[in-house]
Amino acid sequence: MPAVLTIGNFDGVHRGHRALLDQLTAKARACGLAATVLTFEPHPRELFAPDQAPARLSSLREKLELLAECGVDRVHICRFSRTLAGLTAEQFIERILVRGLSVRHLIIGDDFRFGKGRAGDFALLQQAGVDYRFGVEAMTTVALGDLRVSSSAVRSALAAGDMEAAERLLGRPYVIAGRIVSGERIGRTLGFPTANIRIKHQRLALSGVFAVSVAGLGEQPLPGAASLGVRPTVADGLKPLLEVYLLDFDREIYGAHVRVNFLHKLRDEEKYASLDGLKAQIAVDVAAVRKYFERT
């Protein structure tokens, strides 16, 4: 099926991505064709340098949901392998874009490089467009003031605990989605029962205690206090967990799939000498979250 196509990792689907997707969907509607995204799994840096690969901003499911919200009709997930990485730029165009995806119009970021040794660039795609009869146009960089909107800039904001800056770059609050699962019920014994959300991210882009809102449990998002991290007070070496205490909420919600919007960071994760110390700090955190929502 012929397509209007763009290519990229689209990690986090930030404002720069959204501007590109707006251009993509507008062109696709005008041509009467499917707005199509080609993305890669795993991220190329996870294949070649896993120890240096950046933390993902979105899981594959989160990315697909965000792309759908932007009006994308089809997403092709291309398994990134050493074989794929070994294709020359010309082979990538002929095998993937022309024969595989029947591209009729291609929209890419102005810094897009592809093919073995990253030899392919915009000029090569323009010539290929002439040879294979598809249109090619570039999307210029999106900036907020002097700051280029990028996944790296979002990661930096999250690592610094600046949720507000991350929201400006993303055009929405930072989100982690997942299914609520049964936990060890430690929060319940402390007087603050939490919803435990399964984390698909292998590495976290942020950690700490946050004011959040949770979508998926009613018509409107619900306010809450969230802890994201490895729970050092409970034990050493635990896997990361997202725990959310919903304010003034008492209902069984196991199995629900929710989206947690990170609105404001209160503090970093800490280790306390006892569970009583942790309980006292949770009470302080919940009070601070209530004040945050009263102000906002």
C-alpha atoms as a PDB file:
ATOM      1  CA  MET A   1       0.000   0.000   0.000  1.00  0.00           C
ATOM      2  CA  PRO A   2       1.567   3.360  -1.012  1.00  0.00           C
ATOM      3  CA  ALA A   3       2.579   5.554   1.907  1.00  0.00           C
ATOM      4  CA  VAL A   4       3.575   9.020   3.011  1.00  0.00           C
ATOM      5  CA  LEU A   5       6.482   8.074   5.258  1.00  0.00           C
ATOM      6  CA  THR A   6       8.757   9.348   7.961  1.00  0.00           C
ATOM      7  CA  ILE A   7      11.602   7.507   9.681  1.00  0.00           C
ATOM      8  CA  GLY A   8      13.016   7.711  13.185  1.00  0.00           C
ATOM      9  CA  ASN A   9      13.209   6.330  16.715  1.00  0.00           C
ATOM     10  CA  PHE A  10      10.615   8.795  18.056  1.00  0.00           C
ATOM     11  CA  ASP A  11      11.660   8.156  21.652  1.00  0.00           C
ATOM     12  CA  GLY A  12       9.292  10.137  23.868  1.00  0.00           C
ATOM     13  CA  VAL A  13       7.392  11.647  20.909  1.00  0.00           C
ATOM     14  CA  HIS A  14       8.362  15.196  21.934  1.00  0.00           C
ATOM     15  CA  ARG A  15       7.349  18.520  20.376  1.00  0.00           C
ATOM     16  CA  GLY A  16       9.900  18.203  17.586  1.00  0.00           C
ATOM     17  CA  HIS A  17       8.518  14.789  16.683  1.00  0.00           C
ATOM     18  CA  ARG A  18       4.972  16.129  16.865  1.00  0.00           C
ATOM     19  CA  ALA A  19       5.748  18.952  14.443  1.00  0.00           C
ATOM     20  CA  LEU A  20       7.119  16.377  12.003  1.00  0.00           C
ATOM     21  CA  LEU A  21       4.075  14.133  12.491  1.00  0.00           C
ATOM     22  CA  ASP A  22       1.734  17.089  11.905  1.00  0.00           C
ATOM     23  CA  GLN A  23       3.492  17.654   8.572  1.00  0.00           C
ATOM     24  CA  LEU A  24       3.294  13.927   7.802  1.00  0.00           C
ATOM     25  CA  THR A  25      -0.413  13.556   8.513  1.00  0.00           C
ATOM     26  CA  ALA A  26      -1.319  16.738   6.629  1.00  0.00           C
ATOM     27  CA  LYS A  27       0.545  15.510   3.538  1.00  0.00           C
ATOM     28  CA  ALA A  28      -0.962  12.026   3.832  1.00  0.00           C
ATOM     29  CA  ARG A  29      -4.518  13.398   4.066  1.00  0.00           C
ATOM     30  CA  ALA A  30      -3.912  15.650   1.061  1.00  0.00           C
ATOM     31  CA  CYS A  31      -2.636  12.668  -0.968  1.00  0.00           C
ATOM     32  CA  GLY A  32      -5.270  10.236   0.266  1.00  0.00           C
ATOM     33  CA  LEU A  33      -2.550   7.888   1.533  1.00  0.00           C
ATOM     34  CA  ALA A  34      -1.631   6.318   4.864  1.00  0.00           C
ATOM     35  CA  ALA A  35       0.449   8.403   7.264  1.00  0.00           C
ATOM     36  CA  THR A  36       3.209   5.894   8.002  1.00  0.00           C
ATOM     37  CA  VAL A  37       6.109   5.749  10.466  1.00  0.00           C
ATOM     38  CA  LEU A  38       9.128   3.475  10.157  1.00  0.00           C
ATOM     39  CA  THR A  39      10.832   2.963  13.500  1.00  0.00           C
ATOM     40  CA  PHE A  40      13.438   0.563  14.852  1.00  0.00           C
ATOM     41  CA  GLU A  41      13.584  -1.961  17.671  1.00  0.00           C
ATOM     42  CA  PRO A  42      15.897  -2.122  19.513  1.00  0.00           C
ATOM     43  CA  HIS A  43      17.405   1.359  19.440  1.00  0.00           C
ATOM     44  CA  PRO A  44      20.636   1.205  17.362  1.00  0.00           C
ATOM     45  CA  ARG A  45      22.785   2.228  20.335  1.00  0.00           C
ATOM     46  CA  GLU A  46      21.286  -0.616  22.384  1.00  0.00           C
ATOM     47  CA  LEU A  47      22.693  -3.023  19.790  1.00  0.00           C
ATOM     48  CA  PHE A  48      26.162  -1.555  19.304  1.00  0.00           C
ATOM     49  CA  ALA A  49      26.908  -0.044  22.741  1.00  0.00           C
ATOM     50  CA  PRO A  50      24.349  -1.334  25.287  1.00  0.00           C
ATOM     51  CA  ASP A  51      26.330  -0.001  28.263  1.00  0.00           C
ATOM     52  CA  GLN A  52      26.277   3.504  26.768  1.00  0.00           C
ATOM     53  CA  ALA A  53      22.720   3.468  25.416  1.00  0.00           C
ATOM     54  CA  PRO A  54      20.523   6.255  26.819  1.00  0.00           C
ATOM     55  CA  ALA A  55      17.555   5.516  29.057  1.00  0.00           C
ATOM     56  CA  ARG A  56      14.423   5.163  26.966  1.00  0.00           C
ATOM     57  CA  LEU A  57      11.793   7.838  27.400  1.00  0.00           C
ATOM     58  CA  SER A  58       9.005   5.527  26.240  1.00  0.00           C
ATOM     59  CA  SER A  59       8.432   1.804  25.991  1.00  0.00           C
ATOM     60  CA  LEU A  60       7.395   0.398  22.638  1.00  0.00           C
ATOM     61  CA  ARG A  61       3.735   0.295  23.705  1.00  0.00           C
ATOM     62  CA  GLU A  62       3.864   3.879  24.992  1.00  0.00           C
ATOM     63  CA  LYS A  63       5.465   5.037  21.740  1.00  0.00           C
ATOM     64  CA  LEU A  64       2.814   3.319  19.627  1.00  0.00           C
ATOM     65  CA  GLU A  65       0.023   4.875  21.710  1.00  0.00           C
ATOM     66  CA  LEU A  66       1.567   8.344  21.381  1.00  0.00           C
ATOM     67  CA  LEU A  67       2.026   7.950  17.621  1.00  0.00           C
ATOM     68  CA  ALA A  68      -1.620   6.911  17.269  1.00  0.00           C
ATOM     69  CA  GLU A  69      -2.687  10.006  19.226  1.00  0.00           C
ATOM     70  CA  CYS A  70      -0.774  12.100  16.657  1.00  0.00           C
ATOM     71  CA  GLY A  71      -2.870  10.682  13.809  1.00  0.00           C
ATOM     72  CA  VAL A  72      -0.407   8.126  12.446  1.00  0.00           C
ATOM     73  CA  ASP A  73      -2.212   5.397  10.478  1.00  0.00           C
ATOM     74  CA  ARG A  74       0.504   2.746  10.294  1.00  0.00           C
ATOM     75  CA  VAL A  75       3.721   1.982  12.146  1.00  0.00           C
ATOM     76  CA  HIS A  76       6.280  -0.430  10.731  1.00  0.00           C
ATOM     77  CA  ILE A  77       8.698  -1.709  13.371  1.00  0.00           C
ATOM     78  CA  CYS A  78      11.931  -2.743  11.709  1.00  0.00           C
ATOM     79  CA  ARG A  79      14.100  -5.111  13.741  1.00  0.00           C
ATOM     80  CA  PHE A  80      17.457  -3.362  14.003  1.00  0.00           C
ATOM     81  CA  SER A  81      20.232  -5.900  13.527  1.00  0.00           C
ATOM     82  CA  ARG A  82      23.800  -6.002  12.303  1.00  0.00           C
ATOM     83  CA  THR A  83      22.459  -7.214   8.960  1.00  0.00           C
ATOM     84  CA  LEU A  84      20.229  -4.159   8.643  1.00  0.00           C
ATOM     85  CA  ALA A  85      23.037  -1.884   9.812  1.00  0.00           C
ATOM     86  CA  GLY A  86      25.233  -3.385   7.080  1.00  0.00           C
ATOM     87  CA  LEU A  87      22.955  -2.263   4.238  1.00  0.00           C
ATOM     88  CA  THR A  88      24.371   0.539   2.156  1.00  0.00           C
ATOM     89  CA  ALA A  89      22.289   3.692   1.914  1.00  0.00           C
ATOM     90  CA  GLU A  90      21.337   2.753  -1.645  1.00  0.00           C
ATOM     91  CA  GLN A  91      20.264  -0.749  -0.554  1.00  0.00           C
ATOM     92  CA  PHE A  92      18.197   0.697   2.287  1.00  0.00           C
ATOM     93  CA  ILE A  93      16.354   2.971  -0.127  1.00  0.00           C
ATOM     94  CA  GLU A  94      15.685   0.272  -2.723  1.00  0.00           C
ATOM     95  CA  ARG A  95      14.842  -2.637  -0.390  1.00  0.00           C
ATOM     96  CA  ILE A  96      13.132  -0.931   2.546  1.00  0.00           C
ATOM     97  CA  LEU A  97      11.643   2.306   1.241  1.00  0.00           C
ATOM     98  CA  VAL A  98      10.755   1.437  -2.350  1.00  0.00           C
ATOM     99  CA  ARG A  99      10.068  -2.306  -2.426  1.00  0.00           C
ATOM    100  CA  GLY A 100       9.113  -2.773   1.223  1.00  0.00           C
ATOM    101  CA  LEU A 101       7.015   0.306   1.969  1.00  0.00           C
ATOM    102  CA  SER A 102       6.054   1.674  -1.473  1.00  0.00           C
ATOM    103  CA  VAL A 103       6.961   5.202  -0.426  1.00  0.00           C
ATOM    104  CA  ARG A 104       5.291   7.968  -2.418  1.00  0.00           C
ATOM    105  CA  HIS A 105       6.433  10.879  -0.283  1.00  0.00           C
ATOM    106  CA  LEU A 106       9.131  11.004   2.398  1.00  0.00           C
ATOM    107  CA  ILE A 107       9.447  13.581   5.197  1.00  0.00           C
ATOM    108  CA  ILE A 108      12.547  13.429   7.393  1.00  0.00           C
ATOM    109  CA  GLY A 109      14.416  15.500   9.944  1.00  0.00           C
ATOM    110  CA  ASP A 110      17.044  17.757   8.416  1.00  0.00           C
ATOM    111  CA  ASP A 111      19.856  15.863  10.213  1.00  0.00           C
ATOM    112  CA  PHE A 112      18.705  12.361   9.245  1.00  0.00           C
ATOM    113  CA  ARG A 113      21.529   9.945   8.327  1.00  0.00           C
ATOM    114  CA  PHE A 114      21.167   6.290   7.371  1.00  0.00           C
ATOM    115  CA  GLY A 115      22.853   3.284   5.795  1.00  0.00           C
ATOM    116  CA  LYS A 116      26.221   1.664   6.459  1.00  0.00           C
ATOM    117  CA  GLY A 117      28.579   4.155   8.022  1.00  0.00           C
ATOM    118  CA  ARG A 118      25.713   6.697   8.120  1.00  0.00           C
ATOM    119  CA  ALA A 119      26.611   7.536   4.531  1.00  0.00           C
ATOM    120  CA  GLY A 120      23.052   8.357   3.420  1.00  0.00           C
ATOM    121  CA  ASP A 121      21.803  11.932   3.743  1.00  0.00           C
ATOM    122  CA  PHE A 122      19.104  14.259   2.470  1.00  0.00           C
ATOM    123  CA  ALA A 123      20.858  14.884  -0.852  1.00  0.00           C
ATOM    124  CA  LEU A 124      20.996  11.147  -1.581  1.00  0.00           C
ATOM    125  CA  LEU A 125      17.292  10.805  -0.772  1.00  0.00           C
ATOM    126  CA  GLN A 126      16.467  13.692  -3.098  1.00  0.00           C
ATOM    127  CA  GLN A 127      18.271  11.952  -5.955  1.00  0.00           C
ATOM    128  CA  ALA A 128      16.559   8.670  -5.093  1.00  0.00           C
ATOM    129  CA  GLY A 129      13.232  10.484  -5.180  1.00  0.00           C
ATOM    130  CA  VAL A 130      13.982  11.499  -8.766  1.00  0.00           C
ATOM    131  CA  ASP A 131      15.067   7.971  -9.704  1.00  0.00           C
ATOM    132  CA  TYR A 132      12.156   6.150  -8.019  1.00  0.00           C
ATOM    133  CA  ARG A 133       9.537   8.885  -8.358  1.00  0.00           C
ATOM    134  CA  PHE A 134       8.766   9.798  -4.770  1.00  0.00           C
ATOM    135  CA  GLY A 135       8.724  13.201  -3.146  1.00  0.00           C
ATOM    136  CA  VAL A 136      11.231  14.197  -0.461  1.00  0.00           C
ATOM    137  CA  GLU A 137      11.076  17.079   2.011  1.00  0.00           C
ATOM    138  CA  ALA A 138      12.915  17.939   5.215  1.00  0.00           C
ATOM    139  CA  MET A 139      11.572  19.074   8.563  1.00  0.00           C
ATOM    140  CA  THR A 140      13.668  21.778  10.207  1.00  0.00           C
ATOM    141  CA  THR A 141      14.733  21.623  13.830  1.00  0.00           C
ATOM    142  CA  VAL A 142      12.210  22.763  16.446  1.00  0.00           C
ATOM    143  CA  ALA A 143      13.629  24.956  19.224  1.00  0.00           C
ATOM    144  CA  LEU A 144      12.381  26.572  22.413  1.00  0.00           C
ATOM    145  CA  GLY A 145      14.409  29.743  22.600  1.00  0.00           C
ATOM    146  CA  ASP A 146      18.030  28.670  22.184  1.00  0.00           C
ATOM    147  CA  LEU A 147      17.334  25.040  23.142  1.00  0.00           C
ATOM    148  CA  ARG A 148      16.881  22.445  20.409  1.00  0.00           C
ATOM    149  CA  VAL A 149      13.978  20.138  21.212  1.00  0.00           C
ATOM    150  CA  SER A 150      15.390  16.621  21.318  1.00  0.00           C
ATOM    151  CA  SER A 151      15.118  13.367  23.232  1.00  0.00           C
ATOM    152  CA  SER A 152      18.490  14.173  24.819  1.00  0.00           C
ATOM    153  CA  ALA A 153      17.181  17.505  26.111  1.00  0.00           C
ATOM    154  CA  VAL A 154      14.157  15.738  27.610  1.00  0.00           C
ATOM    155  CA  ARG A 155      16.411  13.191  29.318  1.00  0.00           C
ATOM    156  CA  SER A 156      18.529  15.984  30.771  1.00  0.00           C
ATOM    157  CA  ALA A 157      15.447  17.723  32.189  1.00  0.00           C
ATOM    158  CA  LEU A 158      14.152  14.493  33.719  1.00  0.00           C
ATOM    159  CA  ALA A 159      17.539  13.603  35.214  1.00  0.00           C
ATOM    160  CA  ALA A 160      17.661  17.080  36.795  1.00  0.00           C
ATOM    161  CA  GLY A 161      14.170  16.580  38.255  1.00  0.00           C
ATOM    162  CA  ASP A 162      12.751  19.492  36.267  1.00  0.00           C
ATOM    163  CA  MET A 163       9.354  18.068  35.309  1.00  0.00           C
ATOM    164  CA  GLU A 164       8.135  21.453  34.155  1.00  0.00           C
ATOM    165  CA  ALA A 165      10.991  21.822  31.646  1.00  0.00           C
ATOM    166  CA  ALA A 166      10.396  18.268  30.438  1.00  0.00           C
ATOM    167  CA  GLU A 167       6.720  19.099  29.926  1.00  0.00           C
ATOM    168  CA  ARG A 168       7.614  22.148  27.820  1.00  0.00           C
ATOM    169  CA  LEU A 169       9.863  20.017  25.608  1.00  0.00           C
ATOM    170  CA  LEU A 170       7.353  17.183  25.308  1.00  0.00           C
ATOM    171  CA  GLY A 171       4.264  19.346  24.917  1.00  0.00           C
ATOM    172  CA  ARG A 172       2.658  17.237  27.672  1.00  0.00           C
ATOM    173  CA  PRO A 173       3.672  15.792  31.035  1.00  0.00           C
ATOM    174  CA  TYR A 174       6.170  12.943  31.020  1.00  0.00           C
ATOM    175  CA  VAL A 175       4.263   9.650  31.140  1.00  0.00           C
ATOM    176  CA  ILE A 176       4.940   6.094  32.238  1.00  0.00           C
ATOM    177  CA  ALA A 177       2.189   3.611  31.407  1.00  0.00           C
ATOM    178  CA  GLY A 178       1.697   0.134  32.765  1.00  0.00           C
ATOM    179  CA  ARG A 179      -0.551  -2.408  34.395  1.00  0.00           C
ATOM    180  CA  ILE A 180      -1.321  -2.364  38.121  1.00  0.00           C
ATOM    181  CA  VAL A 181      -0.035  -5.558  39.721  1.00  0.00           C
ATOM    182  CA  SER A 182      -0.141  -7.076  43.177  1.00  0.00           C
ATOM    183  CA  GLY A 183       2.823  -6.089  45.325  1.00  0.00           C
ATOM    184  CA  GLU A 184       4.212  -6.844  48.767  1.00  0.00           C
ATOM    185  CA  ARG A 185       1.573  -4.586  50.390  1.00  0.00           C
ATOM    186  CA  ILE A 186       4.203  -2.733  52.408  1.00  0.00           C
ATOM    187  CA  GLY A 187       2.482   0.600  51.711  1.00  0.00           C
ATOM    188  CA  ARG A 188      -0.763  -0.772  53.155  1.00  0.00           C
ATOM    189  CA  THR A 189       0.980  -1.729  56.406  1.00  0.00           C
ATOM    190  CA  LEU A 190       2.346   1.824  56.592  1.00  0.00           C
ATOM    191  CA  GLY A 191      -1.104   3.345  56.162  1.00  0.00           C
ATOM    192  CA  PHE A 192      -0.535   4.425  52.544  1.00  0.00           C
ATOM    193  CA  PRO A 193      -1.727   1.676  50.180  1.00  0.00           C
ATOM    194  CA  THR A 194      -0.137   2.059  46.774  1.00  0.00           C
ATOM    195  CA  ALA A 195      -0.883   0.939  43.241  1.00  0.00           C
ATOM    196  CA  ASN A 196       2.196  -0.918  41.985  1.00  0.00           C
ATOM    197  CA  ILE A 197       2.799  -0.455  38.279  1.00  0.00           C
ATOM    198  CA  ARG A 198       4.883  -2.859  36.258  1.00  0.00           C
ATOM    199  CA  ILE A 199       7.833  -1.084  34.649  1.00  0.00           C
ATOM    200  CA  LYS A 200       8.848  -2.051  31.115  1.00  0.00           C
ATOM    201  CA  HIS A 201      11.745   0.413  30.988  1.00  0.00           C
ATOM    202  CA  GLN A 202      15.072  -1.389  31.481  1.00  0.00           C
ATOM    203  CA  ARG A 203      16.731   1.859  32.547  1.00  0.00           C
ATOM    204  CA  LEU A 204      14.903   4.750  34.172  1.00  0.00           C
ATOM    205  CA  ALA A 205      15.153   8.295  32.858  1.00  0.00           C
ATOM    206  CA  LEU A 206      14.222   9.637  36.318  1.00  0.00           C
ATOM    207  CA  SER A 207      13.724   8.537  39.906  1.00  0.00           C
ATOM    208  CA  GLY A 208      12.455   9.997  43.152  1.00  0.00           C
ATOM    209  CA  VAL A 209       9.154  11.110  44.658  1.00  0.00           C
ATOM    210  CA  PHE A 210       6.659  13.080  42.573  1.00  0.00           C
ATOM    211  CA  ALA A 211       3.247  14.699  42.390  1.00  0.00           C
ATOM    212  CA  VAL A 212       1.432  12.821  39.627  1.00  0.00           C
ATOM    213  CA  SER A 213      -1.945  12.359  38.022  1.00  0.00           C
ATOM    214  CA  VAL A 214      -3.173   8.928  36.963  1.00  0.00           C
ATOM    215  CA  ALA A 215      -5.349   8.406  33.892  1.00  0.00           C
ATOM    216  CA  GLY A 216      -7.295   5.243  33.168  1.00  0.00           C
ATOM    217  CA  LEU A 217      -9.328   4.809  36.353  1.00  0.00           C
ATOM    218  CA  GLY A 218     -12.193   7.178  35.576  1.00  0.00           C
ATOM    219  CA  GLU A 219     -13.289  10.028  33.370  1.00  0.00           C
ATOM    220  CA  GLN A 220     -10.691  12.399  34.820  1.00  0.00           C
ATOM    221  CA  PRO A 221      -7.076  11.792  35.925  1.00  0.00           C
ATOM    222  CA  LEU A 222      -6.726  11.241  39.666  1.00  0.00           C
ATOM    223  CA  PRO A 223      -4.148  13.074  41.824  1.00  0.00           C
ATOM    224  CA  GLY A 224      -1.504  11.102  43.651  1.00  0.00           C
ATOM    225  CA  ALA A 225       1.965  10.849  45.142  1.00  0.00           C
ATOM    226  CA  ALA A 226       4.384   8.513  43.372  1.00  0.00           C
ATOM    227  CA  SER A 227       7.700   6.905  44.203  1.00  0.00           C
ATOM    228  CA  LEU A 228       9.830   5.651  41.335  1.00  0.00           C
ATOM    229  CA  GLY A 229      13.003   3.768  42.147  1.00  0.00           C
ATOM    230  CA  VAL A 230      14.549   0.733  43.830  1.00  0.00           C
ATOM    231  CA  ARG A 231      13.141   1.176  47.382  1.00  0.00           C
ATOM    232  CA  PRO A 232      16.469   1.172  49.291  1.00  0.00           C
ATOM    233  CA  THR A 233      14.743   1.200  52.711  1.00  0.00           C
ATOM    234  CA  VAL A 234      13.012  -2.106  51.960  1.00  0.00           C
ATOM    235  CA  ALA A 235      15.992  -4.073  50.599  1.00  0.00           C
ATOM    236  CA  ASP A 236      19.086  -3.856  48.411  1.00  0.00           C
ATOM    237  CA  GLY A 237      19.161  -4.823  44.757  1.00  0.00           C
ATOM    238  CA  LEU A 238      15.436  -4.588  44.040  1.00  0.00           C
ATOM    239  CA  LYS A 239      14.173  -3.980  40.535  1.00  0.00           C
ATOM    240  CA  PRO A 240      12.767  -0.500  39.832  1.00  0.00           C
ATOM    241  CA  LEU A 241       9.115  -0.088  40.764  1.00  0.00           C
ATOM    242  CA  LEU A 242       6.560   2.681  40.308  1.00  0.00           C
ATOM    243  CA  GLU A 243       4.286   3.002  43.356  1.00  0.00           C
ATOM    244  CA  VAL A 244       1.404   5.493  43.407  1.00  0.00           C
ATOM    245  CA  TYR A 245      -0.655   6.533  46.412  1.00  0.00           C
ATOM    246  CA  LEU A 246      -3.929   7.967  45.083  1.00  0.00           C
ATOM    247  CA  LEU A 247      -5.363  10.761  47.212  1.00  0.00           C
ATOM    248  CA  ASP A 248      -8.762  10.021  48.783  1.00  0.00           C
ATOM    249  CA  PHE A 249      -9.227   6.844  46.752  1.00  0.00           C
ATOM    250  CA  ASP A 250     -10.263   3.388  47.922  1.00  0.00           C
ATOM    251  CA  ARG A 251     -11.091   0.857  45.233  1.00  0.00           C
ATOM    252  CA  GLU A 252      -9.626  -2.418  43.995  1.00  0.00           C
ATOM    253  CA  ILE A 253      -7.876  -1.666  40.693  1.00  0.00           C
ATOM    254  CA  TYR A 254      -5.608  -4.649  40.096  1.00  0.00           C
ATOM    255  CA  GLY A 255      -5.164  -5.378  36.403  1.00  0.00           C
ATOM    256  CA  ALA A 256      -6.062  -1.873  35.211  1.00  0.00           C
ATOM    257  CA  HIS A 257      -3.766  -0.295  32.615  1.00  0.00           C
ATOM    258  CA  VAL A 258      -2.989   3.295  33.622  1.00  0.00           C
ATOM    259  CA  ARG A 259      -0.891   6.254  32.516  1.00  0.00           C
ATOM    260  CA  VAL A 260       1.007   8.115  35.218  1.00  0.00           C
ATOM    261  CA  ASN A 261       1.693  11.786  34.401  1.00  0.00           C
ATOM    262  CA  PHE A 262       4.719  13.173  36.254  1.00  0.00           C
ATOM    263  CA  LEU A 263       3.937  16.778  37.180  1.00  0.00           C
ATOM    264  CA  HIS A 264       6.411  17.901  39.855  1.00  0.00           C
ATOM    265  CA  LYS A 265       9.367  16.377  41.680  1.00  0.00           C
ATOM    266  CA  LEU A 266       9.430  16.599  45.475  1.00  0.00           C
ATOM    267  CA  ARG A 267      12.730  14.916  46.301  1.00  0.00           C
ATOM    268  CA  ASP A 268      15.209  12.169  45.475  1.00  0.00           C
ATOM    269  CA  GLU A 269      14.805   8.619  46.704  1.00  0.00           C
ATOM    270  CA  GLU A 270      16.386   8.081  50.143  1.00  0.00           C
ATOM    271  CA  LYS A 271      17.201   5.200  52.463  1.00  0.00           C
ATOM    272  CA  TYR A 272      15.748   5.382  55.977  1.00  0.00           C
ATOM    273  CA  ALA A 273      16.923   3.570  59.092  1.00  0.00           C
ATOM    274  CA  SER A 274      13.520   1.977  59.670  1.00  0.00           C
ATOM    275  CA  LEU A 275      10.068   1.573  58.166  1.00  0.00           C
ATOM    276  CA  ASP A 276       8.811   4.024  60.808  1.00  0.00           C
ATOM    277  CA  GLY A 277      11.141   6.654  59.381  1.00  0.00           C
ATOM    278  CA  LEU A 278       9.869   5.876  55.889  1.00  0.00           C
ATOM    279  CA  LYS A 279       6.256   6.120  57.096  1.00  0.00           C
ATOM    280  CA  ALA A 280       6.863   9.560  58.598  1.00  0.00           C
ATOM    281  CA  GLN A 281       8.458  10.799  55.359  1.00  0.00           C
ATOM    282  CA  ILE A 282       5.579   9.433  53.255  1.00  0.00           C
ATOM    283  CA  ALA A 283       3.159  11.446  55.387  1.00  0.00           C
ATOM    284  CA  VAL A 284       5.237  14.582  54.704  1.00  0.00           C
ATOM    285  CA  ASP A 285       5.313  13.795  50.988  1.00  0.00           C
ATOM    286  CA  VAL A 286       1.549  13.248  50.779  1.00  0.00           C
ATOM    287  CA  ALA A 287       0.930  16.544  52.556  1.00  0.00           C
ATOM    288  CA  ALA A 288       3.241  18.300  50.084  1.00  0.00           C
ATOM    289  CA  VAL A 289       1.403  16.717  47.148  1.00  0.00           C
ATOM    290  CA  ARG A 290      -1.944  17.912  48.523  1.00  0.00           C
ATOM    291  CA  LYS A 291      -0.550  21.442  48.729  1.00  0.00           C
ATOM    292  CA  TYR A 292       0.762  21.168  45.167  1.00  0.00           C
ATOM    293  CA  PHE A 293      -2.675  20.274  43.805  1.00  0.00           C
ATOM    294  CA  GLU A 294      -4.328  22.999  45.897  1.00  0.00           C
ATOM    295  CA  ARG A 295      -2.007  25.548  44.266  1.00  0.00           C
ATOM    296  CA  THR A 296      -2.397  24.227  40.750  1.00  0.00           C
END
